[in-house]
PDB file of N, CA and C in Angstrom:
ATOM      1  N   MET A   1     -19.373   5.620   6.266  1.00  0.00           N
ATOM      2  CA  MET A   1     -18.140   5.833   6.996  1.00  0.00           C
ATOM      3  C   MET A   1     -17.391   6.996   6.351  1.00  0.00           C
ATOM      4  N   LEU A   2     -16.806   7.832   7.159  1.00  0.00           N
ATOM      5  CA  LEU A   2     -16.058   8.977   6.657  1.00  0.00           C
ATOM      6  C   LEU A   2     -14.798   8.513   5.936  1.00  0.00           C
ATOM      7  N   PRO A   3     -14.421   9.209   4.849  1.00  0.00           N
ATOM      8  CA  PRO A   3     -13.241   8.802   4.078  1.00  0.00           C
ATOM      9  C   PRO A   3     -11.966   8.697   4.912  1.00  0.00           C
ATOM     10  N   ASN A   4     -11.735   9.649   5.828  1.00  0.00           N
ATOM     11  CA  ASN A   4     -10.518   9.604   6.643  1.00  0.00           C
ATOM     12  C   ASN A   4     -10.498   8.374   7.536  1.00  0.00           C
ATOM     13  N   ARG A   5     -11.637   8.028   8.081  1.00  0.00           N
ATOM     14  CA  ARG A   5     -11.728   6.838   8.936  1.00  0.00           C
ATOM     15  C   ARG A   5     -11.499   5.581   8.104  1.00  0.00           C
ATOM     16  N   LEU A   6     -12.047   5.533   6.913  1.00  0.00           N
ATOM     17  CA  LEU A   6     -11.844   4.382   6.036  1.00  0.00           C
ATOM     18  C   LEU A   6     -10.373   4.254   5.663  1.00  0.00           C
ATOM     19  N   ASN A   7      -9.737   5.371   5.308  1.00  0.00           N
ATOM     20  CA  ASN A   7      -8.306   5.334   4.989  1.00  0.00           C
ATOM     21  C   ASN A   7      -7.495   4.825   6.175  1.00  0.00           C
ATOM     22  N   SER A   8      -7.869   5.226   7.356  1.00  0.00           N
ATOM     23  CA  SER A   8      -7.176   4.783   8.561  1.00  0.00           C
ATOM     24  C   SER A   8      -7.342   3.280   8.764  1.00  0.00           C
ATOM     25  N   ARG A   9      -8.535   2.784   8.556  1.00  0.00           N
ATOM     26  CA  ARG A   9      -8.781   1.344   8.711  1.00  0.00           C
ATOM     27  C   ARG A   9      -8.050   0.548   7.638  1.00  0.00           C
ATOM     28  N   ILE A  10      -8.014   1.062   6.410  1.00  0.00           N
ATOM     29  CA  ILE A  10      -7.272   0.400   5.332  1.00  0.00           C
ATOM     30  C   ILE A  10      -5.792   0.341   5.696  1.00  0.00           C
ATOM     31  N   ALA A  11      -5.256   1.449   6.174  1.00  0.00           N
ATOM     32  CA  ALA A  11      -3.840   1.497   6.561  1.00  0.00           C
ATOM     33  C   ALA A  11      -3.551   0.513   7.690  1.00  0.00           C
ATOM     34  N   ASP A  12      -4.467   0.385   8.642  1.00  0.00           N
ATOM     35  CA  ASP A  12      -4.277  -0.569   9.739  1.00  0.00           C
ATOM     36  C   ASP A  12      -4.205  -2.004   9.222  1.00  0.00           C
ATOM     37  N   VAL A  13      -5.088  -2.345   8.300  1.00  0.00           N
ATOM     38  CA  VAL A  13      -5.091  -3.701   7.738  1.00  0.00           C
ATOM     39  C   VAL A  13      -3.800  -3.959   6.967  1.00  0.00           C
ATOM     40  N   ILE A  14      -3.365  -2.988   6.186  1.00  0.00           N
ATOM     41  CA  ILE A  14      -2.123  -3.148   5.423  1.00  0.00           C
ATOM     42  C   ILE A  14      -0.941  -3.308   6.375  1.00  0.00           C
ATOM     43  N   SER A  15      -0.907  -2.514   7.404  1.00  0.00           N
ATOM     44  CA  SER A  15       0.164  -2.601   8.394  1.00  0.00           C
ATOM     45  C   SER A  15       0.184  -3.976   9.063  1.00  0.00           C
ATOM     46  N   GLN A  16      -0.974  -4.493   9.411  1.00  0.00           N
ATOM     47  CA  GLN A  16      -1.066  -5.828  10.013  1.00  0.00           C
ATOM     48  C   GLN A  16      -0.595  -6.899   9.033  1.00  0.00           C
ATOM     49  N   THR A  17      -0.965  -6.760   7.773  1.00  0.00           N
ATOM     50  CA  THR A  17      -0.560  -7.718   6.741  1.00  0.00           C
ATOM     51  C   THR A  17       0.954  -7.761   6.615  1.00  0.00           C
ATOM     52  N   ILE A  18       1.577  -6.596   6.571  1.00  0.00           N
ATOM     53  CA  ILE A  18       3.038  -6.520   6.454  1.00  0.00           C
ATOM     54  C   ILE A  18       3.695  -7.122   7.694  1.00  0.00           C
ATOM     55  N   ALA A  19       3.157  -6.857   8.852  1.00  0.00           N
ATOM     56  CA  ALA A  19       3.713  -7.418  10.091  1.00  0.00           C
ATOM     57  C   ALA A  19       3.644  -8.944  10.076  1.00  0.00           C
ATOM     58  N   GLU A  20       2.538  -9.496   9.585  1.00  0.00           N
ATOM     59  CA  GLU A  20       2.397 -10.950   9.494  1.00  0.00           C
ATOM     60  C   GLU A  20       3.381 -11.533   8.482  1.00  0.00           C
ATOM     61  N   GLU A  21       3.551 -10.860   7.352  1.00  0.00           N
ATOM     62  CA  GLU A  21       4.455 -11.348   6.306  1.00  0.00           C
ATOM     63  C   GLU A  21       5.916 -11.279   6.747  1.00  0.00           C
ATOM     64  N   ARG A  22       6.239 -10.319   7.587  1.00  0.00           N
ATOM     65  CA  ARG A  22       7.623 -10.090   8.009  1.00  0.00           C
ATOM     66  C   ARG A  22       8.240 -11.343   8.626  1.00  0.00           C
ATOM     67  N   SER A  23       7.470 -12.082   9.397  1.00  0.00           N
ATOM     68  CA  SER A  23       8.019 -13.251  10.092  1.00  0.00           C
ATOM     69  C   SER A  23       8.357 -14.403   9.149  1.00  0.00           C
ATOM     70  N   ALA A  24       7.785 -14.407   7.956  1.00  0.00           N
ATOM     71  CA  ALA A  24       8.007 -15.511   7.017  1.00  0.00           C
ATOM     72  C   ALA A  24       8.754 -15.069   5.763  1.00  0.00           C
ATOM     73  N   THR A  25       9.403 -13.924   5.818  1.00  0.00           N
ATOM     74  CA  THR A  25      10.019 -13.351   4.625  1.00  0.00           C
ATOM     75  C   THR A  25      11.464 -12.972   4.893  1.00  0.00           C
ATOM     76  N   ASP A  26      12.281 -13.066   3.853  1.00  0.00           N
ATOM     77  CA  ASP A  26      13.657 -12.563   3.926  1.00  0.00           C
ATOM     78  C   ASP A  26      13.574 -11.044   3.822  1.00  0.00           C
ATOM     79  N   THR A  27      13.706 -10.385   4.941  1.00  0.00           N
ATOM     80  CA  THR A  27      13.520  -8.931   4.968  1.00  0.00           C
ATOM     81  C   THR A  27      14.722  -8.160   4.436  1.00  0.00           C
ATOM     82  N   THR A  28      15.745  -8.869   3.980  1.00  0.00           N
ATOM     83  CA  THR A  28      16.901  -8.195   3.378  1.00  0.00           C
ATOM     84  C   THR A  28      16.838  -8.215   1.856  1.00  0.00           C
ATOM     85  N   SER A  29      15.806  -8.824   1.304  1.00  0.00           N
ATOM     86  CA  SER A  29      15.722  -8.984  -0.151  1.00  0.00           C
ATOM     87  C   SER A  29      15.152  -7.742  -0.834  1.00  0.00           C
ATOM     88  N   PRO A  30      15.513  -7.544  -2.103  1.00  0.00           N
ATOM     89  CA  PRO A  30      14.917  -6.448  -2.878  1.00  0.00           C
ATOM     90  C   PRO A  30      13.396  -6.592  -2.991  1.00  0.00           C
ATOM     91  N   ALA A  31      12.908  -7.827  -3.063  1.00  0.00           N
ATOM     92  CA  ALA A  31      11.457  -8.044  -3.158  1.00  0.00           C
ATOM     93  C   ALA A  31      10.745  -7.530  -1.907  1.00  0.00           C
ATOM     94  N   TRP A  32      11.361  -7.721  -0.739  1.00  0.00           N
ATOM     95  CA  TRP A  32      10.759  -7.227   0.504  1.00  0.00           C
ATOM     96  C   TRP A  32      10.764  -5.704   0.534  1.00  0.00           C
ATOM     97  N   ARG A  33      11.857  -5.101   0.107  1.00  0.00           N
ATOM     98  CA  ARG A  33      11.911  -3.625   0.067  1.00  0.00           C
ATOM     99  C   ARG A  33      10.817  -3.088  -0.852  1.00  0.00           C
ATOM    100  N   GLU A  34      10.622  -3.759  -1.984  1.00  0.00           N
ATOM    101  CA  GLU A  34       9.571  -3.340  -2.914  1.00  0.00           C
ATOM    102  C   GLU A  34       8.198  -3.508  -2.270  1.00  0.00           C
ATOM    103  N   ARG A  35       7.987  -4.623  -1.583  1.00  0.00           N
ATOM    104  CA  ARG A  35       6.707  -4.879  -0.920  1.00  0.00           C
ATOM    105  C   ARG A  35       6.417  -3.802   0.128  1.00  0.00           C
ATOM    106  N   CYS A  36       7.441  -3.429   0.878  1.00  0.00           N
ATOM    107  CA  CYS A  36       7.268  -2.385   1.898  1.00  0.00           C
ATOM    108  C   CYS A  36       6.965  -1.031   1.263  1.00  0.00           C
ATOM    109  N   GLU A  37       7.614  -0.733   0.130  1.00  0.00           N
ATOM    110  CA  GLU A  37       7.328   0.524  -0.558  1.00  0.00           C
ATOM    111  C   GLU A  37       5.885   0.532  -1.049  1.00  0.00           C
ATOM    112  N   VAL A  38       5.451  -0.572  -1.630  1.00  0.00           N
ATOM    113  CA  VAL A  38       4.065  -0.677  -2.094  1.00  0.00           C
ATOM    114  C   VAL A  38       3.108  -0.468  -0.924  1.00  0.00           C
ATOM    115  N   ALA A  39       3.393  -1.104   0.198  1.00  0.00           N
ATOM    116  CA  ALA A  39       2.526  -0.968   1.372  1.00  0.00           C
ATOM    117  C   ALA A  39       2.479   0.475   1.855  1.00  0.00           C
ATOM    118  N   GLN A  40       3.629   1.120   1.878  1.00  0.00           N
ATOM    119  CA  GLN A  40       3.673   2.513   2.326  1.00  0.00           C
ATOM    120  C   GLN A  40       2.821   3.399   1.417  1.00  0.00           C
ATOM    121  N   VAL A  41       2.966   3.210   0.118  1.00  0.00           N
ATOM    122  CA  VAL A  41       2.184   4.002  -0.841  1.00  0.00           C
ATOM    123  C   VAL A  41       0.700   3.687  -0.685  1.00  0.00           C
ATOM    124  N   ALA A  42       0.371   2.434  -0.482  1.00  0.00           N
ATOM    125  CA  ALA A  42      -1.027   2.033  -0.334  1.00  0.00           C
ATOM    126  C   ALA A  42      -1.669   2.643   0.907  1.00  0.00           C
ATOM    127  N   MET A  43      -0.870   2.944   1.915  1.00  0.00           N
ATOM    128  CA  MET A  43      -1.410   3.524   3.146  1.00  0.00           C
ATOM    129  C   MET A  43      -1.591   5.041   3.061  1.00  0.00           C
ATOM    130  N   PHE A  44      -1.045   5.669   2.025  1.00  0.00           N
ATOM    131  CA  PHE A  44      -1.216   7.116   1.853  1.00  0.00           C
ATOM    132  C   PHE A  44      -2.667   7.446   1.513  1.00  0.00           C
ATOM    133  N   THR A  45      -3.071   8.670   1.812  1.00  0.00           N
ATOM    134  CA  THR A  45      -4.370   9.157   1.346  1.00  0.00           C
ATOM    135  C   THR A  45      -4.295   9.319  -0.171  1.00  0.00           C
ATOM    136  N   ASP A  46      -5.435   9.483  -0.807  1.00  0.00           N
ATOM    137  CA  ASP A  46      -5.452   9.628  -2.268  1.00  0.00           C
ATOM    138  C   ASP A  46      -4.567  10.781  -2.735  1.00  0.00           C
ATOM    139  N   SER A  47      -4.679  11.925  -2.079  1.00  0.00           N
ATOM    140  CA  SER A  47      -3.896  13.088  -2.518  1.00  0.00           C
ATOM    141  C   SER A  47      -2.403  12.876  -2.279  1.00  0.00           C
ATOM    142  N   ASP A  48      -2.047  12.306  -1.140  1.00  0.00           N
ATOM    143  CA  ASP A  48      -0.631  12.032  -0.868  1.00  0.00           C
ATOM    144  C   ASP A  48      -0.075  10.996  -1.843  1.00  0.00           C
ATOM    145  N   ARG A  49      -0.902  10.011  -2.181  1.00  0.00           N
ATOM    146  CA  ARG A  49      -0.482   8.983  -3.131  1.00  0.00           C
ATOM    147  C   ARG A  49      -0.205   9.603  -4.498  1.00  0.00           C
ATOM    148  N   ARG A  50      -1.081  10.497  -4.947  1.00  0.00           N
ATOM    149  CA  ARG A  50      -0.873  11.166  -6.246  1.00  0.00           C
ATOM    150  C   ARG A  50       0.424  11.972  -6.250  1.00  0.00           C
ATOM    151  N   ILE A  51       0.671  12.701  -5.177  1.00  0.00           N
ATOM    152  CA  ILE A  51       1.897  13.509  -5.078  1.00  0.00           C
ATOM    153  C   ILE A  51       3.126  12.605  -5.102  1.00  0.00           C
ATOM    154  N   PHE A  52       3.101  11.540  -4.318  1.00  0.00           N
ATOM    155  CA  PHE A  52       4.243  10.633  -4.251  1.00  0.00           C
ATOM    156  C   PHE A  52       4.490   9.971  -5.605  1.00  0.00           C
ATOM    157  N   LEU A  53       3.431   9.500  -6.250  1.00  0.00           N
ATOM    158  CA  LEU A  53       3.588   8.823  -7.539  1.00  0.00           C
ATOM    159  C   LEU A  53       4.080   9.779  -8.618  1.00  0.00           C
ATOM    160  N   SER A  54       3.695  11.039  -8.532  1.00  0.00           N
ATOM    161  CA  SER A  54       4.214  12.043  -9.459  1.00  0.00           C
ATOM    162  C   SER A  54       5.718  12.193  -9.283  1.00  0.00           C
ATOM    163  N   SER A  55       6.151  12.186  -8.049  1.00  0.00           N
ATOM    164  CA  SER A  55       7.578  12.273  -7.749  1.00  0.00           C
ATOM    165  C   SER A  55       8.319  11.037  -8.272  1.00  0.00           C
ATOM    166  N   ILE A  56       7.720   9.870  -8.120  1.00  0.00           N
ATOM    167  CA  ILE A  56       8.324   8.634  -8.627  1.00  0.00           C
ATOM    168  C   ILE A  56       8.420   8.688 -10.149  1.00  0.00           C
ATOM    169  N   ALA A  57       7.384   9.178 -10.799  1.00  0.00           N
ATOM    170  CA  ALA A  57       7.400   9.286 -12.264  1.00  0.00           C
ATOM    171  C   ALA A  57       8.537  10.190 -12.724  1.00  0.00           C
ATOM    172  N   HIS A  58       8.753  11.260 -11.994  1.00  0.00           N
ATOM    173  CA  HIS A  58       9.822  12.199 -12.346  1.00  0.00           C
ATOM    174  C   HIS A  58      11.200  11.565 -12.144  1.00  0.00           C
ATOM    175  N   ARG A  59      11.386  10.832 -11.047  1.00  0.00           N
ATOM    176  CA  ARG A  59      12.703  10.258 -10.722  1.00  0.00           C
ATOM    177  C   ARG A  59      12.982   8.924 -11.400  1.00  0.00           C
ATOM    178  N   ARG A  60      11.956   8.065 -11.488  1.00  0.00           N
ATOM    179  CA  ARG A  60      12.181   6.703 -11.997  1.00  0.00           C
ATOM    180  C   ARG A  60      11.512   6.426 -13.335  1.00  0.00           C
ATOM    181  N   GLY A  61      10.629   7.318 -13.748  1.00  0.00           N
ATOM    182  CA  GLY A  61       9.923   7.132 -15.010  1.00  0.00           C
ATOM    183  C   GLY A  61       8.470   6.726 -14.799  1.00  0.00           C
ATOM    184  N   GLU A  62       7.681   6.960 -15.853  1.00  0.00           N
ATOM    185  CA  GLU A  62       6.240   6.672 -15.803  1.00  0.00           C
ATOM    186  C   GLU A  62       5.953   5.195 -15.565  1.00  0.00           C
ATOM    187  N   ALA A  63       6.739   4.321 -16.191  1.00  0.00           N
ATOM    188  CA  ALA A  63       6.491   2.880 -16.049  1.00  0.00           C
ATOM    189  C   ALA A  63       6.625   2.450 -14.590  1.00  0.00           C
ATOM    190  N   ALA A  64       7.642   2.939 -13.912  1.00  0.00           N
ATOM    191  CA  ALA A  64       7.839   2.593 -12.498  1.00  0.00           C
ATOM    192  C   ALA A  64       6.694   3.134 -11.646  1.00  0.00           C
ATOM    193  N   ALA A  65       6.278   4.361 -11.925  1.00  0.00           N
ATOM    194  CA  ALA A  65       5.172   4.958 -11.167  1.00  0.00           C
ATOM    195  C   ALA A  65       3.875   4.190 -11.404  1.00  0.00           C
ATOM    196  N   ASN A  66       3.625   3.806 -12.650  1.00  0.00           N
ATOM    197  CA  ASN A  66       2.408   3.052 -12.964  1.00  0.00           C
ATOM    198  C   ASN A  66       2.412   1.684 -12.290  1.00  0.00           C
ATOM    199  N   ALA A  67       3.562   1.013 -12.303  1.00  0.00           N
ATOM    200  CA  ALA A  67       3.659  -0.302 -11.657  1.00  0.00           C
ATOM    201  C   ALA A  67       3.430  -0.177 -10.153  1.00  0.00           C
ATOM    202  N   LEU A  68       4.017   0.835  -9.553  1.00  0.00           N
ATOM    203  CA  LEU A  68       3.842   1.065  -8.118  1.00  0.00           C
ATOM    204  C   LEU A  68       2.381   1.390  -7.800  1.00  0.00           C
ATOM    205  N   GLU A  69       1.770   2.208  -8.622  1.00  0.00           N
ATOM    206  CA  GLU A  69       0.363   2.564  -8.420  1.00  0.00           C
ATOM    207  C   GLU A  69      -0.536   1.333  -8.512  1.00  0.00           C
ATOM    208  N   GLN A  70      -0.305   0.494  -9.510  1.00  0.00           N
ATOM    209  CA  GLN A  70      -1.124  -0.711  -9.668  1.00  0.00           C
ATOM    210  C   GLN A  70      -0.960  -1.653  -8.479  1.00  0.00           C
ATOM    211  N   SER A  71       0.270  -1.821  -8.025  1.00  0.00           N
ATOM    212  CA  SER A  71       0.516  -2.697  -6.875  1.00  0.00           C
ATOM    213  C   SER A  71      -0.129  -2.137  -5.610  1.00  0.00           C
ATOM    214  N   ALA A  72      -0.015  -0.836  -5.414  1.00  0.00           N
ATOM    215  CA  ALA A  72      -0.623  -0.196  -4.239  1.00  0.00           C
ATOM    216  C   ALA A  72      -2.147  -0.298  -4.296  1.00  0.00           C
ATOM    217  N   ASP A  73      -2.717  -0.090  -5.473  1.00  0.00           N
ATOM    218  CA  ASP A  73      -4.171  -0.219  -5.628  1.00  0.00           C
ATOM    219  C   ASP A  73      -4.631  -1.639  -5.313  1.00  0.00           C
ATOM    220  N   ALA A  74      -3.867  -2.627  -5.775  1.00  0.00           N
ATOM    221  CA  ALA A  74      -4.219  -4.027  -5.507  1.00  0.00           C
ATOM    222  C   ALA A  74      -4.160  -4.322  -4.010  1.00  0.00           C
ATOM    223  N   LEU A  75      -3.151  -3.800  -3.338  1.00  0.00           N
ATOM    224  CA  LEU A  75      -3.027  -4.015  -1.896  1.00  0.00           C
ATOM    225  C   LEU A  75      -4.166  -3.327  -1.145  1.00  0.00           C
ATOM    226  N   ARG A  76      -4.545  -2.127  -1.571  1.00  0.00           N
ATOM    227  CA  ARG A  76      -5.678  -1.431  -0.950  1.00  0.00           C
ATOM    228  C   ARG A  76      -6.967  -2.225  -1.154  1.00  0.00           C
ATOM    229  N   THR A  77      -7.137  -2.777  -2.346  1.00  0.00           N
ATOM    230  CA  THR A  77      -8.333  -3.572  -2.636  1.00  0.00           C
ATOM    231  C   THR A  77      -8.390  -4.799  -1.734  1.00  0.00           C
ATOM    232  N   GLN A  78      -7.257  -5.473  -1.557  1.00  0.00           N
ATOM    233  CA  GLN A  78      -7.205  -6.627  -0.656  1.00  0.00           C
ATOM    234  C   GLN A  78      -7.586  -6.212   0.766  1.00  0.00           C
ATOM    235  N   ALA A  79      -7.088  -5.070   1.197  1.00  0.00           N
ATOM    236  CA  ALA A  79      -7.401  -4.586   2.545  1.00  0.00           C
ATOM    237  C   ALA A  79      -8.891  -4.288   2.684  1.00  0.00           C
ATOM    238  N   ILE A  80      -9.482  -3.707   1.660  1.00  0.00           N
ATOM    239  CA  ILE A  80     -10.919  -3.402   1.692  1.00  0.00           C
ATOM    240  C   ILE A  80     -11.730  -4.689   1.788  1.00  0.00           C
ATOM    241  N   PHE A  81     -11.326  -5.716   1.036  1.00  0.00           N
ATOM    242  CA  PHE A  81     -12.028  -7.000   1.120  1.00  0.00           C
ATOM    243  C   PHE A  81     -11.894  -7.612   2.511  1.00  0.00           C
ATOM    244  N   LYS A  82     -10.724  -7.491   3.122  1.00  0.00           N
ATOM    245  CA  LYS A  82     -10.550  -7.997   4.490  1.00  0.00           C
ATOM    246  C   LYS A  82     -11.464  -7.247   5.454  1.00  0.00           C
ATOM    247  N   LEU A  83     -11.556  -5.931   5.278  1.00  0.00           N
ATOM    248  CA  LEU A  83     -12.440  -5.139   6.139  1.00  0.00           C
ATOM    249  C   LEU A  83     -13.898  -5.539   5.951  1.00  0.00           C
ATOM    250  N   ALA A  84     -14.280  -5.829   4.718  1.00  0.00           N
ATOM    251  CA  ALA A  84     -15.665  -6.192   4.431  1.00  0.00           C
ATOM    252  C   ALA A  84     -16.039  -7.521   5.088  1.00  0.00           C
ATOM    253  N   ARG A  85     -15.063  -8.403   5.254  1.00  0.00           N
ATOM    254  CA  ARG A  85     -15.324  -9.706   5.874  1.00  0.00           C
ATOM    255  C   ARG A  85     -15.323  -9.642   7.394  1.00  0.00           C
ATOM    256  N   LYS A  86     -14.697  -8.600   7.954  1.00  0.00           N
ATOM    257  CA  LYS A  86     -14.616  -8.464   9.411  1.00  0.00           C
ATOM    258  C   LYS A  86     -15.942  -7.976   9.976  1.00  0.00           C
ATOM    259  N   PRO A  87     -16.363  -8.558  11.096  1.00  0.00           N
ATOM    260  CA  PRO A  87     -17.538  -7.975  11.755  1.00  0.00           C
ATOM    261  C   PRO A  87     -17.163  -6.618  12.357  1.00  0.00           C
ATOM    262  N   SER A  88     -18.050  -5.667  12.280  1.00  0.00           N
ATOM    263  CA  SER A  88     -17.762  -4.310  12.775  1.00  0.00           C
ATOM    264  C   SER A  88     -17.690  -4.248  14.266  1.00  0.00           C
TER     265      SER A  88
END
């Protein structure tokens, strides 16, 4: 599968996950805002993610950028596992 197509499918799964979570979550909470930021970063392409995380490191510090990167990577991994279980 082409990388762009895979990124698109990963983003679709993440978007669906967030939509499902929205109905059972307090969407006014700081935790929800953080979850949405993680999802947004996770849906970026690799190059866009690197650029965004560099900007976060500059504005919020390396620790914040690293935490965001780890959370986004974990969400992408979950999406990949969901895709692997889906019939094509």
